Amino acid sequence: MKKITSLLLVLVMCVSLVACGGVDKQPAIDAFNKASTAYDEVSTIINENPDAYDQEVIDTLTEMANVLMQHKELLESDQEIEQEKLDEMIAWYGEVEAWVADVKAELGI
């Protein structure tokens, strides 16, 4: 009887581990928060005087805002995200931060 109970307990534990084996979104969430904060800082400055910037900067700013909103919704949802997609998102957040750094350098911030 003890062997059967032990076996059932082990099986239940294994099933619970498999059920919890989803991909960890936290690194992507952390990268999103960092990139979003940097983006917001530059966005605020540009939005205060949009006429002072060329259309390419405004267009890039708008595109980034749209992608950031899509990613935010995806990261906040219960939807499963493949690791490859999360890695792509994290890499893109690095590009956002690089763009922000370039714009800050141009603005002298």
PDB file of N, CA and C in Angstrom:
ATOM      1  N   MET A   1       0.822  -1.195   0.000  1.00  0.00           N
ATOM      2  CA  MET A   1       0.000   0.000   0.000  1.00  0.00           C
ATOM      3  C   MET A   1       0.869   1.263   0.000  1.00  0.00           C
ATOM      4  N   LYS A   2       1.948   1.246   0.784  1.00  0.00           N
ATOM      5  CA  LYS A   2       2.833   2.406   0.831  1.00  0.00           C
ATOM      6  C   LYS A   2       3.493   2.631  -0.523  1.00  0.00           C
ATOM      7  N   LYS A   3       3.836   1.553  -1.210  1.00  0.00           N
ATOM      8  CA  LYS A   3       4.480   1.681  -2.516  1.00  0.00           C
ATOM      9  C   LYS A   3       3.518   2.304  -3.532  1.00  0.00           C
ATOM     10  N   ILE A   4       2.278   1.900  -3.490  1.00  0.00           N
ATOM     11  CA  ILE A   4       1.284   2.448  -4.417  1.00  0.00           C
ATOM     12  C   ILE A   4       1.046   3.927  -4.122  1.00  0.00           C
ATOM     13  N   THR A   5       0.932   4.269  -2.857  1.00  0.00           N
ATOM     14  CA  THR A   5       0.739   5.665  -2.467  1.00  0.00           C
ATOM     15  C   THR A   5       1.936   6.505  -2.883  1.00  0.00           C
ATOM     16  N   SER A   6       3.129   5.988  -2.671  1.00  0.00           N
ATOM     17  CA  SER A   6       4.344   6.707  -3.066  1.00  0.00           C
ATOM     18  C   SER A   6       4.394   6.898  -4.572  1.00  0.00           C
ATOM     19  N   LEU A   7       4.038   5.861  -5.320  1.00  0.00           N
ATOM     20  CA  LEU A   7       4.036   5.944  -6.770  1.00  0.00           C
ATOM     21  C   LEU A   7       3.031   6.985  -7.258  1.00  0.00           C
ATOM     22  N   LEU A   8       1.840   6.981  -6.678  1.00  0.00           N
ATOM     23  CA  LEU A   8       0.828   7.971  -7.049  1.00  0.00           C
ATOM     24  C   LEU A   8       1.293   9.394  -6.726  1.00  0.00           C
ATOM     25  N   LEU A   9       1.928   9.553  -5.586  1.00  0.00           N
ATOM     26  CA  LEU A   9       2.426  10.867  -5.192  1.00  0.00           C
ATOM     27  C   LEU A   9       3.500  11.356  -6.169  1.00  0.00           C
ATOM     28  N   VAL A  10       4.389  10.467  -6.564  1.00  0.00           N
ATOM     29  CA  VAL A  10       5.431  10.823  -7.531  1.00  0.00           C
ATOM     30  C   VAL A  10       4.806  11.195  -8.874  1.00  0.00           C
ATOM     31  N   LEU A  11       3.806  10.452  -9.312  1.00  0.00           N
ATOM     32  CA  LEU A  11       3.139  10.756 -10.580  1.00  0.00           C
ATOM     33  C   LEU A  11       2.451  12.118 -10.547  1.00  0.00           C
ATOM     34  N   VAL A  12       1.810  12.405  -9.450  1.00  0.00           N
ATOM     35  CA  VAL A  12       1.135  13.699  -9.304  1.00  0.00           C
ATOM     36  C   VAL A  12       2.156  14.834  -9.348  1.00  0.00           C
ATOM     37  N   MET A  13       3.271  14.640  -8.681  1.00  0.00           N
ATOM     38  CA  MET A  13       4.319  15.666  -8.683  1.00  0.00           C
ATOM     39  C   MET A  13       4.885  15.865 -10.094  1.00  0.00           C
ATOM     40  N   CYS A  14       5.083  14.791 -10.823  1.00  0.00           N
ATOM     41  CA  CYS A  14       5.603  14.887 -12.196  1.00  0.00           C
ATOM     42  C   CYS A  14       4.624  15.630 -13.104  1.00  0.00           C
ATOM     43  N   VAL A  15       3.359  15.325 -12.963  1.00  0.00           N
ATOM     44  CA  VAL A  15       2.341  15.998 -13.777  1.00  0.00           C
ATOM     45  C   VAL A  15       2.315  17.486 -13.449  1.00  0.00           C
ATOM     46  N   SER A  16       2.437  17.841 -12.182  1.00  0.00           N
ATOM     47  CA  SER A  16       2.418  19.256 -11.817  1.00  0.00           C
ATOM     48  C   SER A  16       3.641  19.977 -12.350  1.00  0.00           C
ATOM     49  N   LEU A  17       4.780  19.321 -12.391  1.00  0.00           N
ATOM     50  CA  LEU A  17       5.981  19.943 -12.956  1.00  0.00           C
ATOM     51  C   LEU A  17       5.840  20.164 -14.454  1.00  0.00           C
ATOM     52  N   VAL A  18       5.254  19.228 -15.158  1.00  0.00           N
ATOM     53  CA  VAL A  18       5.043  19.365 -16.597  1.00  0.00           C
ATOM     54  C   VAL A  18       4.073  20.506 -16.870  1.00  0.00           C
ATOM     55  N   ALA A  19       3.057  20.633 -16.068  1.00  0.00           N
ATOM     56  CA  ALA A  19       2.058  21.682 -16.260  1.00  0.00           C
ATOM     57  C   ALA A  19       2.653  23.065 -16.048  1.00  0.00           C
ATOM     58  N   CYS A  20       3.665  23.167 -15.206  1.00  0.00           N
ATOM     59  CA  CYS A  20       4.285  24.458 -14.906  1.00  0.00           C
ATOM     60  C   CYS A  20       5.499  24.733 -15.784  1.00  0.00           C
ATOM     61  N   GLY A  21       5.716  23.937 -16.783  1.00  0.00           N
ATOM     62  CA  GLY A  21       6.934  24.039 -17.568  1.00  0.00           C
ATOM     63  C   GLY A  21       6.890  25.041 -18.701  1.00  0.00           C
ATOM     64  N   GLY A  22       6.101  26.097 -18.590  1.00  0.00           N
ATOM     65  CA  GLY A  22       6.003  27.092 -19.643  1.00  0.00           C
ATOM     66  C   GLY A  22       7.262  27.934 -19.751  1.00  0.00           C
ATOM     67  N   VAL A  23       7.332  28.721 -20.812  1.00  0.00           N
ATOM     68  CA  VAL A  23       8.465  29.601 -21.052  1.00  0.00           C
ATOM     69  C   VAL A  23       8.375  30.787 -20.099  1.00  0.00           C
ATOM     70  N   ASP A  24       9.512  31.199 -19.559  1.00  0.00           N
ATOM     71  CA  ASP A  24       9.567  32.310 -18.620  1.00  0.00           C
ATOM     72  C   ASP A  24       9.576  33.631 -19.381  1.00  0.00           C
ATOM     73  N   LYS A  25       8.549  34.426 -19.193  1.00  0.00           N
ATOM     74  CA  LYS A  25       8.426  35.721 -19.864  1.00  0.00           C
ATOM     75  C   LYS A  25       9.199  36.828 -19.146  1.00  0.00           C
ATOM     76  N   GLN A  26       9.647  36.574 -17.920  1.00  0.00           N
ATOM     77  CA  GLN A  26      10.211  37.648 -17.098  1.00  0.00           C
ATOM     78  C   GLN A  26      11.403  38.368 -17.736  1.00  0.00           C
ATOM     79  N   PRO A  27      12.360  37.660 -18.361  1.00  0.00           N
ATOM     80  CA  PRO A  27      13.450  38.407 -19.002  1.00  0.00           C
ATOM     81  C   PRO A  27      12.944  39.374 -20.085  1.00  0.00           C
ATOM     82  N   ALA A  28      11.949  38.963 -20.837  1.00  0.00           N
ATOM     83  CA  ALA A  28      11.375  39.835 -21.863  1.00  0.00           C
ATOM     84  C   ALA A  28      10.634  41.001 -21.220  1.00  0.00           C
ATOM     85  N   ILE A  29       9.944  40.742 -20.138  1.00  0.00           N
ATOM     86  CA  ILE A  29       9.225  41.809 -19.428  1.00  0.00           C
ATOM     87  C   ILE A  29      10.221  42.836 -18.888  1.00  0.00           C
ATOM     88  N   ASP A  30      11.316  42.354 -18.296  1.00  0.00           N
ATOM     89  CA  ASP A  30      12.337  43.262 -17.770  1.00  0.00           C
ATOM     90  C   ASP A  30      12.949  44.101 -18.889  1.00  0.00           C
ATOM     91  N   ALA A  31      13.267  43.457 -20.013  1.00  0.00           N
ATOM     92  CA  ALA A  31      13.844  44.175 -21.159  1.00  0.00           C
ATOM     93  C   ALA A  31      12.834  45.177 -21.723  1.00  0.00           C
ATOM     94  N   PHE A  32      11.561  44.781 -21.769  1.00  0.00           N
ATOM     95  CA  PHE A  32      10.508  45.684 -22.239  1.00  0.00           C
ATOM     96  C   PHE A  32      10.434  46.918 -21.351  1.00  0.00           C
ATOM     97  N   ASN A  33      10.419  46.713 -20.039  1.00  0.00           N
ATOM     98  CA  ASN A  33      10.311  47.839 -19.111  1.00  0.00           C
ATOM     99  C   ASN A  33      11.472  48.814 -19.272  1.00  0.00           C
ATOM    100  N   LYS A  34      12.675  48.282 -19.432  1.00  0.00           N
ATOM    101  CA  LYS A  34      13.861  49.123 -19.589  1.00  0.00           C
ATOM    102  C   LYS A  34      13.786  49.921 -20.902  1.00  0.00           C
ATOM    103  N   ALA A  35      13.455  49.238 -21.996  1.00  0.00           N
ATOM    104  CA  ALA A  35      13.362  49.909 -23.295  1.00  0.00           C
ATOM    105  C   ALA A  35      12.216  50.915 -23.309  1.00  0.00           C
ATOM    106  N   SER A  36      11.099  50.550 -22.715  1.00  0.00           N
ATOM    107  CA  SER A  36       9.934  51.424 -22.688  1.00  0.00           C
ATOM    108  C   SER A  36      10.221  52.704 -21.899  1.00  0.00           C
ATOM    109  N   THR A  37      10.922  52.577 -20.798  1.00  0.00           N
ATOM    110  CA  THR A  37      11.286  53.747 -19.993  1.00  0.00           C
ATOM    111  C   THR A  37      12.187  54.686 -20.787  1.00  0.00           C
ATOM    112  N   ALA A  38      13.184  54.117 -21.462  1.00  0.00           N
ATOM    113  CA  ALA A  38      14.083  54.928 -22.284  1.00  0.00           C
ATOM    114  C   ALA A  38      13.313  55.596 -23.421  1.00  0.00           C
ATOM    115  N   TYR A  39      12.437  54.824 -24.059  1.00  0.00           N
ATOM    116  CA  TYR A  39      11.620  55.353 -25.160  1.00  0.00           C
ATOM    117  C   TYR A  39      10.751  56.511 -24.666  1.00  0.00           C
ATOM    118  N   ASP A  40      10.107  56.331 -23.522  1.00  0.00           N
ATOM    119  CA  ASP A  40       9.217  57.366 -22.988  1.00  0.00           C
ATOM    120  C   ASP A  40       9.961  58.673 -22.732  1.00  0.00           C
ATOM    121  N   GLU A  41      11.189  58.555 -22.254  1.00  0.00           N
ATOM    122  CA  GLU A  41      11.979  59.755 -21.965  1.00  0.00           C
ATOM    123  C   GLU A  41      12.212  60.577 -23.239  1.00  0.00           C
ATOM    124  N   VAL A  42      12.641  59.910 -24.307  1.00  0.00           N
ATOM    125  CA  VAL A  42      12.895  60.606 -25.566  1.00  0.00           C
ATOM    126  C   VAL A  42      11.581  61.037 -26.221  1.00  0.00           C
ATOM    127  N   SER A  43      10.567  60.202 -26.122  1.00  0.00           N
ATOM    128  CA  SER A  43       9.263  60.520 -26.710  1.00  0.00           C
ATOM    129  C   SER A  43       8.696  61.804 -26.113  1.00  0.00           C
ATOM    130  N   THR A  44       8.824  61.948 -24.831  1.00  0.00           N
ATOM    131  CA  THR A  44       8.319  63.144 -24.154  1.00  0.00           C
ATOM    132  C   THR A  44       9.018  64.395 -24.690  1.00  0.00           C
ATOM    133  N   ILE A  45      10.328  64.320 -24.837  1.00  0.00           N
ATOM    134  CA  ILE A  45      11.095  65.464 -25.332  1.00  0.00           C
ATOM    135  C   ILE A  45      10.687  65.808 -26.760  1.00  0.00           C
ATOM    136  N   ILE A  46      10.584  64.787 -27.604  1.00  0.00           N
ATOM    137  CA  ILE A  46      10.224  65.023 -29.011  1.00  0.00           C
ATOM    138  C   ILE A  46       8.797  65.536 -29.129  1.00  0.00           C
ATOM    139  N   ASN A  47       7.885  64.993 -28.342  1.00  0.00           N
ATOM    140  CA  ASN A  47       6.487  65.416 -28.417  1.00  0.00           C
ATOM    141  C   ASN A  47       6.265  66.845 -27.923  1.00  0.00           C
ATOM    142  N   GLU A  48       7.196  67.368 -27.134  1.00  0.00           N
ATOM    143  CA  GLU A  48       7.074  68.753 -26.673  1.00  0.00           C
ATOM    144  C   GLU A  48       7.260  69.741 -27.827  1.00  0.00           C
ATOM    145  N   ASN A  49       8.054  69.350 -28.833  1.00  0.00           N
ATOM    146  CA  ASN A  49       8.294  70.230 -29.970  1.00  0.00           C
ATOM    147  C   ASN A  49       8.541  69.381 -31.225  1.00  0.00           C
ATOM    148  N   PRO A  50       7.499  68.740 -31.744  1.00  0.00           N
ATOM    149  CA  PRO A  50       7.692  67.832 -32.883  1.00  0.00           C
ATOM    150  C   PRO A  50       8.175  68.519 -34.159  1.00  0.00           C
ATOM    151  N   ASP A  51       7.913  69.797 -34.306  1.00  0.00           N
ATOM    152  CA  ASP A  51       8.343  70.513 -35.507  1.00  0.00           C
ATOM    153  C   ASP A  51       9.864  70.647 -35.587  1.00  0.00           C
ATOM    154  N   ALA A  52      10.550  70.439 -34.482  1.00  0.00           N
ATOM    155  CA  ALA A  52      12.007  70.579 -34.459  1.00  0.00           C
ATOM    156  C   ALA A  52      12.720  69.322 -34.970  1.00  0.00           C
ATOM    157  N   TYR A  53      11.969  68.276 -35.284  1.00  0.00           N
ATOM    158  CA  TYR A  53      12.571  67.005 -35.693  1.00  0.00           C
ATOM    159  C   TYR A  53      12.095  66.625 -37.082  1.00  0.00           C
ATOM    160  N   ASP A  54      12.972  65.923 -37.817  1.00  0.00           N
ATOM    161  CA  ASP A  54      12.586  65.534 -39.167  1.00  0.00           C
ATOM    162  C   ASP A  54      11.563  64.401 -39.128  1.00  0.00           C
ATOM    163  N   GLN A  55      10.900  64.199 -40.234  1.00  0.00           N
ATOM    164  CA  GLN A  55       9.805  63.229 -40.328  1.00  0.00           C
ATOM    165  C   GLN A  55      10.276  61.801 -40.046  1.00  0.00           C
ATOM    166  N   GLU A  56      11.509  61.497 -40.395  1.00  0.00           N
ATOM    167  CA  GLU A  56      12.030  60.143 -40.157  1.00  0.00           C
ATOM    168  C   GLU A  56      12.045  59.809 -38.665  1.00  0.00           C
ATOM    169  N   VAL A  57      12.434  60.762 -37.846  1.00  0.00           N
ATOM    170  CA  VAL A  57      12.446  60.557 -36.391  1.00  0.00           C
ATOM    171  C   VAL A  57      11.027  60.362 -35.882  1.00  0.00           C
ATOM    172  N   ILE A  58      10.110  61.185 -36.365  1.00  0.00           N
ATOM    173  CA  ILE A  58       8.705  61.083 -35.947  1.00  0.00           C
ATOM    174  C   ILE A  58       8.122  59.738 -36.374  1.00  0.00           C
ATOM    175  N   ASP A  59       8.418  59.315 -37.610  1.00  0.00           N
ATOM    176  CA  ASP A  59       7.918  58.027 -38.104  1.00  0.00           C
ATOM    177  C   ASP A  59       8.479  56.863 -37.292  1.00  0.00           C
ATOM    178  N   THR A  60       9.772  56.907 -36.990  1.00  0.00           N
ATOM    179  CA  THR A  60      10.389  55.853 -36.179  1.00  0.00           C
ATOM    180  C   THR A  60       9.769  55.821 -34.793  1.00  0.00           C
ATOM    181  N   LEU A  61       9.558  56.980 -34.224  1.00  0.00           N
ATOM    182  CA  LEU A  61       8.932  57.089 -32.904  1.00  0.00           C
ATOM    183  C   LEU A  61       7.544  56.452 -32.911  1.00  0.00           C
ATOM    184  N   THR A  62       6.769  56.728 -33.951  1.00  0.00           N
ATOM    185  CA  THR A  62       5.421  56.183 -34.067  1.00  0.00           C
ATOM    186  C   THR A  62       5.435  54.671 -34.243  1.00  0.00           C
ATOM    187  N   GLU A  63       6.323  54.184 -35.104  1.00  0.00           N
ATOM    188  CA  GLU A  63       6.430  52.737 -35.315  1.00  0.00           C
ATOM    189  C   GLU A  63       6.812  52.020 -34.024  1.00  0.00           C
ATOM    190  N   MET A  64       7.773  52.589 -33.300  1.00  0.00           N
ATOM    191  CA  MET A  64       8.192  51.983 -32.036  1.00  0.00           C
ATOM    192  C   MET A  64       7.049  51.968 -31.029  1.00  0.00           C
ATOM    193  N   ALA A  65       6.286  53.037 -30.986  1.00  0.00           N
ATOM    194  CA  ALA A  65       5.152  53.090 -30.065  1.00  0.00           C
ATOM    195  C   ALA A  65       4.163  51.972 -30.367  1.00  0.00           C
ATOM    196  N   ASN A  66       3.885  51.759 -31.647  1.00  0.00           N
ATOM    197  CA  ASN A  66       2.946  50.706 -32.037  1.00  0.00           C
ATOM    198  C   ASN A  66       3.456  49.319 -31.651  1.00  0.00           C
ATOM    199  N   VAL A  67       4.720  49.061 -31.921  1.00  0.00           N
ATOM    200  CA  VAL A  67       5.283  47.740 -31.584  1.00  0.00           C
ATOM    201  C   VAL A  67       5.344  47.556 -30.066  1.00  0.00           C
ATOM    202  N   LEU A  68       5.734  48.597 -29.352  1.00  0.00           N
ATOM    203  CA  LEU A  68       5.777  48.493 -27.889  1.00  0.00           C
ATOM    204  C   LEU A  68       4.398  48.184 -27.315  1.00  0.00           C
ATOM    205  N   MET A  69       3.365  48.809 -27.862  1.00  0.00           N
ATOM    206  CA  MET A  69       2.002  48.527 -27.380  1.00  0.00           C
ATOM    207  C   MET A  69       1.603  47.084 -27.671  1.00  0.00           C
ATOM    208  N   GLN A  70       1.936  46.589 -28.855  1.00  0.00           N
ATOM    209  CA  GLN A  70       1.630  45.191 -29.193  1.00  0.00           C
ATOM    210  C   GLN A  70       2.359  44.240 -28.254  1.00  0.00           C
ATOM    211  N   HIS A  71       3.628  44.527 -28.012  1.00  0.00           N
ATOM    212  CA  HIS A  71       4.407  43.664 -27.120  1.00  0.00           C
ATOM    213  C   HIS A  71       3.873  43.718 -25.689  1.00  0.00           C
ATOM    214  N   LYS A  72       3.483  44.899 -25.258  1.00  0.00           N
ATOM    215  CA  LYS A  72       2.937  45.049 -23.902  1.00  0.00           C
ATOM    216  C   LYS A  72       1.706  44.168 -23.728  1.00  0.00           C
ATOM    217  N   GLU A  73       0.805  44.231 -24.699  1.00  0.00           N
ATOM    218  CA  GLU A  73      -0.410  43.414 -24.631  1.00  0.00           C
ATOM    219  C   GLU A  73      -0.072  41.927 -24.630  1.00  0.00           C
ATOM    220  N   LEU A  74       0.887  41.539 -25.449  1.00  0.00           N
ATOM    221  CA  LEU A  74       1.285  40.132 -25.533  1.00  0.00           C
ATOM    222  C   LEU A  74       1.928  39.666 -24.232  1.00  0.00           C
ATOM    223  N   LEU A  75       2.810  40.473 -23.668  1.00  0.00           N
ATOM    224  CA  LEU A  75       3.495  40.090 -22.434  1.00  0.00           C
ATOM    225  C   LEU A  75       2.550  40.060 -21.236  1.00  0.00           C
ATOM    226  N   GLU A  76       1.535  40.906 -21.244  1.00  0.00           N
ATOM    227  CA  GLU A  76       0.577  40.934 -20.136  1.00  0.00           C
ATOM    228  C   GLU A  76      -0.483  39.838 -20.249  1.00  0.00           C
ATOM    229  N   SER A  77      -0.613  39.252 -21.419  1.00  0.00           N
ATOM    230  CA  SER A  77      -1.640  38.232 -21.627  1.00  0.00           C
ATOM    231  C   SER A  77      -1.191  36.885 -21.071  1.00  0.00           C
ATOM    232  N   ASP A  78      -2.126  35.967 -21.027  1.00  0.00           N
ATOM    233  CA  ASP A  78      -1.827  34.598 -20.605  1.00  0.00           C
ATOM    234  C   ASP A  78      -1.391  33.732 -21.782  1.00  0.00           C
ATOM    235  N   GLN A  79      -1.292  34.347 -22.945  1.00  0.00           N
ATOM    236  CA  GLN A  79      -0.936  33.624 -24.159  1.00  0.00           C
ATOM    237  C   GLN A  79       0.491  33.081 -24.060  1.00  0.00           C
ATOM    238  N   GLU A  80       0.670  31.827 -24.485  1.00  0.00           N
ATOM    239  CA  GLU A  80       1.993  31.225 -24.530  1.00  0.00           C
ATOM    240  C   GLU A  80       2.809  31.897 -25.622  1.00  0.00           C
ATOM    241  N   ILE A  81       4.071  32.177 -25.337  1.00  0.00           N
ATOM    242  CA  ILE A  81       4.971  32.769 -26.320  1.00  0.00           C
ATOM    243  C   ILE A  81       6.171  31.845 -26.438  1.00  0.00           C
ATOM    244  N   GLU A  82       6.533  31.515 -27.665  1.00  0.00           N
ATOM    245  CA  GLU A  82       7.682  30.649 -27.874  1.00  0.00           C
ATOM    246  C   GLU A  82       8.962  31.388 -27.494  1.00  0.00           C
ATOM    247  N   GLN A  83       9.953  30.625 -27.050  1.00  0.00           N
ATOM    248  CA  GLN A  83      11.221  31.217 -26.630  1.00  0.00           C
ATOM    249  C   GLN A  83      11.866  32.014 -27.759  1.00  0.00           C
ATOM    250  N   GLU A  84      11.755  31.522 -28.985  1.00  0.00           N
ATOM    251  CA  GLU A  84      12.333  32.225 -30.130  1.00  0.00           C
ATOM    252  C   GLU A  84      11.722  33.625 -30.278  1.00  0.00           C
ATOM    253  N   LYS A  85      10.429  33.727 -30.109  1.00  0.00           N
ATOM    254  CA  LYS A  85       9.740  35.022 -30.195  1.00  0.00           C
ATOM    255  C   LYS A  85      10.192  35.942 -29.059  1.00  0.00           C
ATOM    256  N   LEU A  86      10.315  35.397 -27.855  1.00  0.00           N
ATOM    257  CA  LEU A  86      10.780  36.195 -26.724  1.00  0.00           C
ATOM    258  C   LEU A  86      12.192  36.708 -26.974  1.00  0.00           C
ATOM    259  N   ASP A  87      13.048  35.860 -27.541  1.00  0.00           N
ATOM    260  CA  ASP A  87      14.414  36.274 -27.851  1.00  0.00           C
ATOM    261  C   ASP A  87      14.425  37.392 -28.891  1.00  0.00           C
ATOM    262  N   GLU A  88      13.553  37.288 -29.892  1.00  0.00           N
ATOM    263  CA  GLU A  88      13.435  38.345 -30.908  1.00  0.00           C
ATOM    264  C   GLU A  88      12.979  39.655 -30.262  1.00  0.00           C
ATOM    265  N   MET A  89      12.029  39.554 -29.357  1.00  0.00           N
ATOM    266  CA  MET A  89      11.522  40.740 -28.681  1.00  0.00           C
ATOM    267  C   MET A  89      12.635  41.401 -27.864  1.00  0.00           C
ATOM    268  N   ILE A  90      13.388  40.594 -27.130  1.00  0.00           N
ATOM    269  CA  ILE A  90      14.475  41.122 -26.304  1.00  0.00           C
ATOM    270  C   ILE A  90      15.520  41.802 -27.183  1.00  0.00           C
ATOM    271  N   ALA A  91      15.852  41.186 -28.314  1.00  0.00           N
ATOM    272  CA  ALA A  91      16.821  41.795 -29.236  1.00  0.00           C
ATOM    273  C   ALA A  91      16.295  43.129 -29.760  1.00  0.00           C
ATOM    274  N   TRP A  92      15.011  43.198 -30.079  1.00  0.00           N
ATOM    275  CA  TRP A  92      14.430  44.441 -30.570  1.00  0.00           C
ATOM    276  C   TRP A  92      14.473  45.525 -29.500  1.00  0.00           C
ATOM    277  N   TYR A  93      14.257  45.141 -28.238  1.00  0.00           N
ATOM    278  CA  TYR A  93      14.336  46.132 -27.156  1.00  0.00           C
ATOM    279  C   TYR A  93      15.740  46.724 -27.076  1.00  0.00           C
ATOM    280  N   GLY A  94      16.744  45.911 -27.378  1.00  0.00           N
ATOM    281  CA  GLY A  94      18.108  46.426 -27.444  1.00  0.00           C
ATOM    282  C   GLY A  94      18.263  47.459 -28.552  1.00  0.00           C
ATOM    283  N   GLU A  95      17.599  47.212 -29.681  1.00  0.00           N
ATOM    284  CA  GLU A  95      17.623  48.177 -30.787  1.00  0.00           C
ATOM    285  C   GLU A  95      16.921  49.480 -30.390  1.00  0.00           C
ATOM    286  N   VAL A  96      15.844  49.368 -29.644  1.00  0.00           N
ATOM    287  CA  VAL A  96      15.140  50.562 -29.169  1.00  0.00           C
ATOM    288  C   VAL A  96      16.073  51.375 -28.278  1.00  0.00           C
ATOM    289  N   GLU A  97      16.744  50.708 -27.366  1.00  0.00           N
ATOM    290  CA  GLU A  97      17.658  51.416 -26.464  1.00  0.00           C
ATOM    291  C   GLU A  97      18.808  52.066 -27.233  1.00  0.00           C
ATOM    292  N   ALA A  98      19.314  51.393 -28.266  1.00  0.00           N
ATOM    293  CA  ALA A  98      20.391  51.967 -29.081  1.00  0.00           C
ATOM    294  C   ALA A  98      19.885  53.209 -29.822  1.00  0.00           C
ATOM    295  N   TRP A  99      18.667  53.143 -30.360  1.00  0.00           N
ATOM    296  CA  TRP A  99      18.083  54.284 -31.056  1.00  0.00           C
ATOM    297  C   TRP A  99      17.907  55.453 -30.092  1.00  0.00           C
ATOM    298  N   VAL A 100      17.409  55.145 -28.913  1.00  0.00           N
ATOM    299  CA  VAL A 100      17.217  56.188 -27.896  1.00  0.00           C
ATOM    300  C   VAL A 100      18.556  56.839 -27.551  1.00  0.00           C
ATOM    301  N   ALA A 101      19.596  56.028 -27.391  1.00  0.00           N
ATOM    302  CA  ALA A 101      20.915  56.568 -27.077  1.00  0.00           C
ATOM    303  C   ALA A 101      21.418  57.476 -28.198  1.00  0.00           C
ATOM    304  N   ASP A 102      21.181  57.082 -29.441  1.00  0.00           N
ATOM    305  CA  ASP A 102      21.584  57.916 -30.585  1.00  0.00           C
ATOM    306  C   ASP A 102      20.837  59.252 -30.578  1.00  0.00           C
ATOM    307  N   VAL A 103      19.531  59.178 -30.353  1.00  0.00           N
ATOM    308  CA  VAL A 103      18.724  60.415 -30.336  1.00  0.00           C
ATOM    309  C   VAL A 103      19.150  61.307 -29.183  1.00  0.00           C
ATOM    310  N   LYS A 104      19.409  60.721 -28.039  1.00  0.00           N
ATOM    311  CA  LYS A 104      19.877  61.513 -26.882  1.00  0.00           C
ATOM    312  C   LYS A 104      21.199  62.203 -27.190  1.00  0.00           C
ATOM    313  N   ALA A 105      22.087  61.485 -27.882  1.00  0.00           N
ATOM    314  CA  ALA A 105      23.377  62.071 -28.246  1.00  0.00           C
ATOM    315  C   ALA A 105      23.172  63.245 -29.201  1.00  0.00           C
ATOM    316  N   GLU A 106      22.273  63.076 -30.153  1.00  0.00           N
ATOM    317  CA  GLU A 106      21.983  64.156 -31.102  1.00  0.00           C
ATOM    318  C   GLU A 106      21.364  65.366 -30.388  1.00  0.00           C
ATOM    319  N   LEU A 107      20.537  65.090 -29.384  1.00  0.00           N
ATOM    320  CA  LEU A 107      19.882  66.177 -28.654  1.00  0.00           C
ATOM    321  C   LEU A 107      20.768  66.769 -27.558  1.00  0.00           C
ATOM    322  N   GLY A 108      21.859  66.094 -27.267  1.00  0.00           N
ATOM    323  CA  GLY A 108      22.757  66.573 -26.215  1.00  0.00           C
ATOM    324  C   GLY A 108      22.208  66.346 -24.813  1.00  0.00           C
ATOM    325  N   ILE A 109      21.472  65.276 -24.650  1.00  0.00           N
ATOM    326  CA  ILE A 109      20.866  64.959 -23.352  1.00  0.00           C
ATOM    327  C   ILE A 109      21.775  63.995 -22.599  1.00  0.00           C
TER     328      ILE A 109
END
